[in-house]
């Protein structure tokens, strides 16, 4: 398979794969659906629905696409408390989310961590 064809196939396949994984992941409590909505509305533009980063947004922001990838090991290993602090206070070019309540931030981070677990397990 040619590199360009492989890249295009990967780009088109990954979102569907992650949606499948998310639907199959068993999560208890009501915070995940609201966390998913928050992630989709507040984070996915830059980080992608699959949290692996948006190459288009990286180009627009003029940042390394790796910086938008929340599936990389360094982010996966970050504690819940640290992720909540980063979401609330912003980081680098990522704006603060001061309009979100602590409960919403907790829900968003819980969703992200479940998404990361589903990625790592597969």
Protein backbone atom coordinates (compact mmCIF):
# COMPACT_ATOMS: atom_id res chain seq x y z
CA UNK A 1 0.00 0.00 0.00
CA UNK A 2 1.37 3.43 -0.89
CA UNK A 3 2.25 5.72 2.07
CA UNK A 4 -0.36 8.33 1.13
CA UNK A 5 -3.07 5.69 0.75
CA UNK A 6 -2.05 4.13 4.07
CA UNK A 7 -2.15 7.52 5.82
CA UNK A 8 -5.57 8.31 4.36
CA UNK A 9 -6.95 4.89 5.32
CA UNK A 10 -5.62 5.32 8.86
CA UNK A 11 -7.08 8.84 9.13
CA UNK A 12 -10.50 7.60 8.02
CA UNK A 13 -10.44 4.38 10.06
CA UNK A 14 -9.29 5.68 13.46
CA UNK A 15 -12.36 7.81 14.34
CA UNK A 16 -14.70 4.90 13.56
CA UNK A 17 -12.49 2.56 15.58
CA UNK A 18 -12.57 4.83 18.64
CA UNK A 19 -16.31 5.35 18.42
CA UNK A 20 -16.69 1.56 18.38
CA UNK A 21 -14.38 1.20 21.39
CA UNK A 22 -16.19 3.93 23.32
CA UNK A 23 -19.54 2.27 22.69
CA UNK A 24 -18.20 -1.11 23.82
CA UNK A 25 -16.46 0.19 26.95
CA UNK A 26 -18.52 -0.45 30.07
CA UNK A 27 -18.53 2.61 32.33
CA UNK A 28 -20.51 3.03 35.50
CA UNK A 29 -22.16 6.26 36.61
CA UNK A 30 -23.66 9.19 34.76
CA UNK A 31 -20.50 11.30 34.52
CA UNK A 32 -19.17 9.65 31.36
CA UNK A 33 -21.99 10.74 29.02
CA UNK A 34 -21.74 14.34 30.24
CA UNK A 35 -17.94 14.10 30.12
CA UNK A 36 -18.18 12.85 26.55
CA UNK A 37 -20.42 15.77 25.59
CA UNK A 38 -18.02 18.22 27.24
CA UNK A 39 -15.06 16.65 25.46
CA UNK A 40 -16.83 16.74 22.11
CA UNK A 41 -17.88 20.38 22.59
CA UNK A 42 -14.79 21.79 24.28
CA UNK A 43 -11.80 19.61 23.36
CA UNK A 44 -12.39 17.66 20.16
CA UNK A 45 -11.75 20.62 17.86
CA UNK A 46 -8.04 20.48 18.74
CA UNK A 47 -7.61 17.03 20.25
CA UNK A 48 -9.95 15.14 17.88
CA UNK A 49 -12.91 12.96 18.83
CA UNK A 50 -10.47 10.11 19.42
CA UNK A 51 -8.15 12.36 21.52
CA UNK A 52 -5.23 11.52 19.22
CA UNK A 53 -4.99 15.11 17.99
CA UNK A 54 -6.22 17.01 14.96
CA UNK A 55 -3.53 17.44 12.29
CA UNK A 56 -5.53 20.26 10.70
CA UNK A 57 -5.74 22.19 13.97
CA UNK A 58 -2.05 21.61 14.66
CA UNK A 59 -1.33 23.21 11.30
CA UNK A 60 -3.66 26.13 12.08
CA UNK A 61 -2.16 26.66 15.54
CA UNK A 62 1.35 26.11 14.15
CA UNK A 63 2.16 23.53 16.81
CA UNK A 64 3.63 20.05 16.63
CA UNK A 65 0.69 17.62 16.15
CA UNK A 66 2.14 15.46 18.93
CA UNK A 67 1.26 18.24 21.41
CA UNK A 68 -2.43 17.73 20.67
CA UNK A 69 -2.28 13.94 21.11
CA UNK A 70 -3.85 12.95 24.45
CA UNK A 71 -3.19 9.26 23.76
CA UNK A 72 0.58 9.54 24.07
CA UNK A 73 2.17 7.82 27.05
CA UNK A 74 3.13 11.00 28.91
CA UNK A 75 -0.52 12.12 28.99
CA UNK A 76 -1.90 8.66 29.74
CA UNK A 77 0.41 8.47 32.78
CA UNK A 78 -0.70 11.89 34.08
CA UNK A 79 -2.77 11.74 37.28
CA UNK A 80 -6.44 12.64 37.34
CA UNK A 81 -5.73 15.57 39.67
CA UNK A 82 -3.04 16.94 37.35
CA UNK A 83 -5.28 16.59 34.29
CA UNK A 84 -8.09 18.40 36.10
CA UNK A 85 -5.68 21.20 37.00
CA UNK A 86 -4.47 21.46 33.38
CA UNK A 87 -8.03 21.60 32.04
CA UNK A 88 -9.07 24.24 34.56
CA UNK A 89 -5.97 26.41 34.21
CA UNK A 90 -5.01 25.80 30.61
CA UNK A 91 -1.62 24.77 29.30
CA UNK A 92 0.46 26.30 26.53
CA UNK A 93 -1.95 27.39 23.79
CA UNK A 94 -4.86 25.55 25.43
CA UNK A 95 -7.16 28.12 27.08
CA UNK A 96 -8.35 27.92 30.67
CA UNK A 97 -11.76 26.33 31.12
CA UNK A 98 -12.79 28.53 34.04
CA UNK A 99 -16.43 28.48 32.91
CA UNK A 100 -16.64 24.74 33.73
CA UNK A 101 -17.53 23.64 37.25
CA UNK A 102 -15.19 21.32 39.17
CA UNK A 103 -17.74 18.54 38.63
CA UNK A 104 -17.79 19.12 34.87
CA UNK A 105 -13.99 19.09 34.75
CA UNK A 106 -13.90 15.87 36.77
CA UNK A 107 -16.45 14.33 34.36
CA UNK A 108 -14.49 15.44 31.32
CA UNK A 109 -11.22 14.02 32.70
CA UNK A 110 -12.94 10.76 33.69
CA UNK A 111 -14.21 10.41 30.13
CA UNK A 112 -10.73 11.10 28.73
CA UNK A 113 -9.12 8.54 31.02
CA UNK A 114 -11.70 5.90 30.03
CA UNK A 115 -11.03 6.69 26.39
CA UNK A 116 -7.29 6.30 27.06
CA UNK A 117 -7.86 2.96 28.85
CA UNK A 118 -9.90 1.66 25.91
CA UNK A 119 -7.09 2.71 23.55
CA UNK A 120 -4.36 1.08 25.64
CA UNK A 121 -6.32 -2.16 26.12
CA UNK A 122 -6.96 -2.64 22.40
